[in-house]
Amino acid sequence: MNSKNEKFDNSKEKFMGESKEVIGKITGNEQLELRGKLQSAKADFKQKTSVSNNVEKAKEGIAGKINNMIDRKDAIKEAKKAAKKNSK
C-alpha cells in the first residue's frame, strides 16, 4: 500500500474511532466508547510504526543535516574571504 493510501486509511480509522468514543460517552455506552478508544489507538500505532512514515522522517533528518553542513561550509568560506579582505 502506498503512503497516501496508508495515511488516508489511518486518518479514517482514527476519525471512526474517535467518533465511536464520543458517541459512546454521550449515550453512556461504555462498550462503544472502549471500542472507539481501541480503534483510535490502533490507528495511532499503525501511523507511528509505518515504514513509509519512518522513511520520510529519516529523509527529512538527513536532508536537514546536509543543509546544515552546506550552510556551515558556506559560512566558513565567507569568513575566510572577509578575513583575507581585512588583512590587506
N, C-alpha and C. Protein backbone atom coordinates (compact mmCIF):
# COMPACT_ATOMS: atom_id res chain seq x y z
N MET A 1 0.85 -1.18 0.00
CA MET A 1 0.00 0.00 0.00
C MET A 1 0.89 1.23 0.00
N ASN A 2 0.56 2.21 -0.82
CA ASN A 2 1.41 3.39 -0.86
C ASN A 2 1.12 4.32 0.31
N SER A 3 2.00 5.27 0.52
CA SER A 3 1.91 6.09 1.74
C SER A 3 0.65 6.95 1.79
N LYS A 4 0.17 7.43 0.63
CA LYS A 4 -1.05 8.24 0.64
C LYS A 4 -2.25 7.41 1.07
N ASN A 5 -2.33 6.18 0.58
CA ASN A 5 -3.42 5.30 0.99
C ASN A 5 -3.31 4.95 2.47
N GLU A 6 -2.08 4.72 2.94
CA GLU A 6 -1.88 4.41 4.36
C GLU A 6 -2.33 5.58 5.23
N LYS A 7 -1.92 6.78 4.83
CA LYS A 7 -2.30 7.96 5.61
C LYS A 7 -3.81 8.16 5.63
N PHE A 8 -4.43 7.97 4.46
CA PHE A 8 -5.88 8.12 4.38
C PHE A 8 -6.57 7.07 5.25
N ASP A 9 -6.15 5.82 5.13
CA ASP A 9 -6.76 4.75 5.92
C ASP A 9 -6.58 4.98 7.41
N ASN A 10 -5.38 5.42 7.81
CA ASN A 10 -5.15 5.70 9.23
C ASN A 10 -5.98 6.87 9.73
N SER A 11 -6.10 7.90 8.89
CA SER A 11 -6.92 9.05 9.28
C SER A 11 -8.38 8.65 9.41
N LYS A 12 -8.85 7.84 8.49
CA LYS A 12 -10.24 7.35 8.52
C LYS A 12 -10.47 6.50 9.76
N GLU A 13 -9.52 5.60 10.04
CA GLU A 13 -9.62 4.73 11.21
C GLU A 13 -9.63 5.55 12.50
N LYS A 14 -8.77 6.56 12.56
CA LYS A 14 -8.69 7.43 13.75
C LYS A 14 -10.00 8.19 13.93
N PHE A 15 -10.52 8.76 12.84
CA PHE A 15 -11.77 9.50 12.90
C PHE A 15 -12.92 8.60 13.35
N MET A 16 -13.01 7.41 12.79
CA MET A 16 -14.08 6.49 13.16
C MET A 16 -13.97 6.10 14.64
N GLY A 17 -12.74 5.86 15.09
CA GLY A 17 -12.54 5.51 16.49
C GLY A 17 -12.94 6.63 17.43
N GLU A 18 -12.53 7.85 17.09
CA GLU A 18 -12.88 9.00 17.93
C GLU A 18 -14.38 9.24 17.92
N SER A 19 -15.01 9.02 16.77
CA SER A 19 -16.46 9.19 16.68
C SER A 19 -17.18 8.18 17.58
N LYS A 20 -16.75 6.93 17.51
CA LYS A 20 -17.35 5.90 18.35
C LYS A 20 -17.17 6.22 19.83
N GLU A 21 -16.00 6.71 20.17
CA GLU A 21 -15.71 7.06 21.56
C GLU A 21 -16.66 8.16 22.05
N VAL A 22 -16.84 9.20 21.25
CA VAL A 22 -17.71 10.31 21.63
C VAL A 22 -19.16 9.84 21.73
N ILE A 23 -19.61 9.07 20.75
CA ILE A 23 -20.98 8.58 20.77
C ILE A 23 -21.20 7.69 21.99
N GLY A 24 -20.20 6.88 22.31
CA GLY A 24 -20.29 6.02 23.49
C GLY A 24 -20.39 6.84 24.77
N LYS A 25 -19.63 7.92 24.86
CA LYS A 25 -19.69 8.79 26.04
C LYS A 25 -21.05 9.46 26.14
N ILE A 26 -21.54 9.97 25.02
CA ILE A 26 -22.81 10.69 25.02
C ILE A 26 -23.96 9.78 25.41
N THR A 27 -23.94 8.56 24.87
CA THR A 27 -25.05 7.63 25.11
C THR A 27 -24.87 6.79 26.37
N GLY A 28 -23.69 6.87 26.98
CA GLY A 28 -23.43 6.07 28.17
C GLY A 28 -23.11 4.62 27.83
N ASN A 29 -22.78 4.35 26.57
CA ASN A 29 -22.45 3.00 26.13
C ASN A 29 -20.95 2.80 26.28
N GLU A 30 -20.54 2.17 27.38
CA GLU A 30 -19.12 2.01 27.69
C GLU A 30 -18.42 1.08 26.71
N GLN A 31 -19.13 0.09 26.20
CA GLN A 31 -18.51 -0.82 25.24
C GLN A 31 -18.16 -0.08 23.94
N LEU A 32 -19.08 0.74 23.46
CA LEU A 32 -18.83 1.52 22.25
C LEU A 32 -17.69 2.51 22.48
N GLU A 33 -17.68 3.13 23.63
CA GLU A 33 -16.61 4.07 23.98
C GLU A 33 -15.26 3.37 23.96
N LEU A 34 -15.20 2.18 24.57
CA LEU A 34 -13.96 1.40 24.61
C LEU A 34 -13.53 0.97 23.22
N ARG A 35 -14.47 0.51 22.41
CA ARG A 35 -14.14 0.11 21.03
C ARG A 35 -13.57 1.30 20.26
N GLY A 36 -14.14 2.47 20.48
CA GLY A 36 -13.63 3.67 19.83
C GLY A 36 -12.21 4.01 20.26
N LYS A 37 -11.96 3.92 21.56
CA LYS A 37 -10.62 4.19 22.06
C LYS A 37 -9.60 3.22 21.47
N LEU A 38 -9.99 1.94 21.42
CA LEU A 38 -9.09 0.93 20.86
C LEU A 38 -8.84 1.16 19.38
N GLN A 39 -9.88 1.50 18.64
CA GLN A 39 -9.74 1.75 17.21
C GLN A 39 -8.83 2.96 16.97
N SER A 40 -9.01 3.99 17.75
CA SER A 40 -8.18 5.19 17.63
C SER A 40 -6.72 4.88 17.98
N ALA A 41 -6.52 4.12 19.04
CA ALA A 41 -5.16 3.74 19.46
C ALA A 41 -4.49 2.87 18.39
N LYS A 42 -5.26 2.00 17.78
CA LYS A 42 -4.74 1.14 16.71
C LYS A 42 -4.26 2.00 15.54
N ALA A 43 -5.03 3.01 15.17
CA ALA A 43 -4.64 3.91 14.08
C ALA A 43 -3.37 4.67 14.45
N ASP A 44 -3.27 5.12 15.70
CA ASP A 44 -2.07 5.82 16.15
C ASP A 44 -0.85 4.91 16.05
N PHE A 45 -1.03 3.66 16.49
CA PHE A 45 0.06 2.69 16.46
C PHE A 45 0.51 2.42 15.02
N LYS A 46 -0.44 2.23 14.13
CA LYS A 46 -0.11 1.99 12.72
C LYS A 46 0.66 3.17 12.14
N GLN A 47 0.22 4.37 12.48
CA GLN A 47 0.87 5.56 11.95
C GLN A 47 2.31 5.67 12.46
N LYS A 48 2.50 5.38 13.73
CA LYS A 48 3.83 5.51 14.33
C LYS A 48 4.78 4.43 13.85
N THR A 49 4.27 3.27 13.48
CA THR A 49 5.13 2.17 13.06
C THR A 49 5.18 2.01 11.54
N SER A 50 4.54 2.91 10.83
CA SER A 50 4.52 2.85 9.37
C SER A 50 5.92 3.02 8.80
N VAL A 51 6.31 2.09 7.95
CA VAL A 51 7.63 2.14 7.33
C VAL A 51 7.77 3.41 6.49
N SER A 52 6.75 3.71 5.70
CA SER A 52 6.85 4.89 4.84
C SER A 52 6.95 6.17 5.67
N ASN A 53 6.24 6.21 6.79
CA ASN A 53 6.33 7.37 7.68
C ASN A 53 7.73 7.50 8.26
N ASN A 54 8.30 6.37 8.68
CA ASN A 54 9.65 6.39 9.24
C ASN A 54 10.69 6.75 8.19
N VAL A 55 10.49 6.29 6.96
CA VAL A 55 11.41 6.62 5.87
C VAL A 55 11.36 8.12 5.60
N GLU A 56 10.16 8.68 5.58
CA GLU A 56 10.03 10.13 5.35
C GLU A 56 10.73 10.92 6.45
N LYS A 57 10.56 10.50 7.69
CA LYS A 57 11.23 11.19 8.80
C LYS A 57 12.74 11.10 8.65
N ALA A 58 13.24 9.92 8.26
CA ALA A 58 14.68 9.74 8.08
C ALA A 58 15.20 10.63 6.95
N LYS A 59 14.46 10.67 5.84
CA LYS A 59 14.87 11.51 4.72
C LYS A 59 14.93 12.98 5.12
N GLU A 60 13.93 13.44 5.87
CA GLU A 60 13.92 14.83 6.33
C GLU A 60 15.10 15.11 7.25
N GLY A 61 15.40 14.17 8.13
CA GLY A 61 16.53 14.34 9.04
C GLY A 61 17.85 14.42 8.30
N ILE A 62 18.03 13.55 7.31
CA ILE A 62 19.26 13.54 6.53
C ILE A 62 19.38 14.83 5.72
N ALA A 63 18.28 15.24 5.09
CA ALA A 63 18.30 16.48 4.31
C ALA A 63 18.65 17.67 5.19
N GLY A 64 18.11 17.70 6.39
CA GLY A 64 18.41 18.80 7.32
C GLY A 64 19.87 18.83 7.70
N LYS A 65 20.46 17.67 7.95
CA LYS A 65 21.88 17.61 8.31
C LYS A 65 22.76 18.05 7.15
N ILE A 66 22.40 17.62 5.94
CA ILE A 66 23.19 18.02 4.76
C ILE A 66 23.10 19.53 4.56
N ASN A 67 21.89 20.08 4.69
CA ASN A 67 21.73 21.53 4.55
C ASN A 67 22.56 22.28 5.59
N ASN A 68 22.57 21.79 6.82
CA ASN A 68 23.36 22.43 7.88
C ASN A 68 24.85 22.39 7.55
N MET A 69 25.32 21.25 7.03
CA MET A 69 26.73 21.12 6.68
C MET A 69 27.10 22.10 5.56
N ILE A 70 26.23 22.20 4.56
CA ILE A 70 26.48 23.12 3.44
C ILE A 70 26.49 24.56 3.94
N ASP A 71 25.53 24.89 4.81
CA ASP A 71 25.47 26.25 5.36
C ASP A 71 26.74 26.58 6.15
N ARG A 72 27.23 25.63 6.95
CA ARG A 72 28.46 25.85 7.72
C ARG A 72 29.66 26.04 6.80
N LYS A 73 29.71 25.21 5.75
CA LYS A 73 30.82 25.30 4.79
C LYS A 73 30.81 26.67 4.12
N ASP A 74 29.62 27.13 3.71
CA ASP A 74 29.49 28.45 3.09
C ASP A 74 29.88 29.55 4.07
N ALA A 75 29.50 29.42 5.32
CA ALA A 75 29.83 30.42 6.33
C ALA A 75 31.34 30.48 6.55
N ILE A 76 31.99 29.33 6.53
CA ILE A 76 33.45 29.29 6.70
C ILE A 76 34.13 29.98 5.52
N LYS A 77 33.64 29.70 4.31
CA LYS A 77 34.20 30.36 3.12
C LYS A 77 34.07 31.87 3.22
N GLU A 78 32.88 32.32 3.60
CA GLU A 78 32.63 33.76 3.73
C GLU A 78 33.53 34.38 4.80
N ALA A 79 33.72 33.67 5.91
CA ALA A 79 34.58 34.18 6.98
C ALA A 79 36.03 34.28 6.51
N LYS A 80 36.48 33.27 5.74
CA LYS A 80 37.85 33.30 5.22
C LYS A 80 38.02 34.46 4.25
N LYS A 81 37.04 34.69 3.38
CA LYS A 81 37.10 35.80 2.45
C LYS A 81 37.18 37.13 3.20
N ALA A 82 36.34 37.27 4.20
CA ALA A 82 36.31 38.52 4.98
C ALA A 82 37.63 38.72 5.71
N ALA A 83 38.19 37.65 6.25
CA ALA A 83 39.46 37.75 6.97
C ALA A 83 40.58 38.14 6.01
N LYS A 84 40.57 37.56 4.82
CA LYS A 84 41.58 37.89 3.80
C LYS A 84 41.46 39.36 3.40
N LYS A 85 40.22 39.79 3.20
CA LYS A 85 39.96 41.16 2.79
C LYS A 85 40.42 42.14 3.87
N ASN A 86 40.18 41.82 5.12
CA ASN A 86 40.55 42.70 6.23
C ASN A 86 42.05 42.72 6.48
N SER A 87 42.75 41.66 6.10
CA SER A 87 44.20 41.61 6.34
C SER A 87 44.98 42.41 5.31
N LYS A 88 44.33 42.80 4.22
CA LYS A 88 45.03 43.57 3.17
C LYS A 88 45.13 45.01 3.50
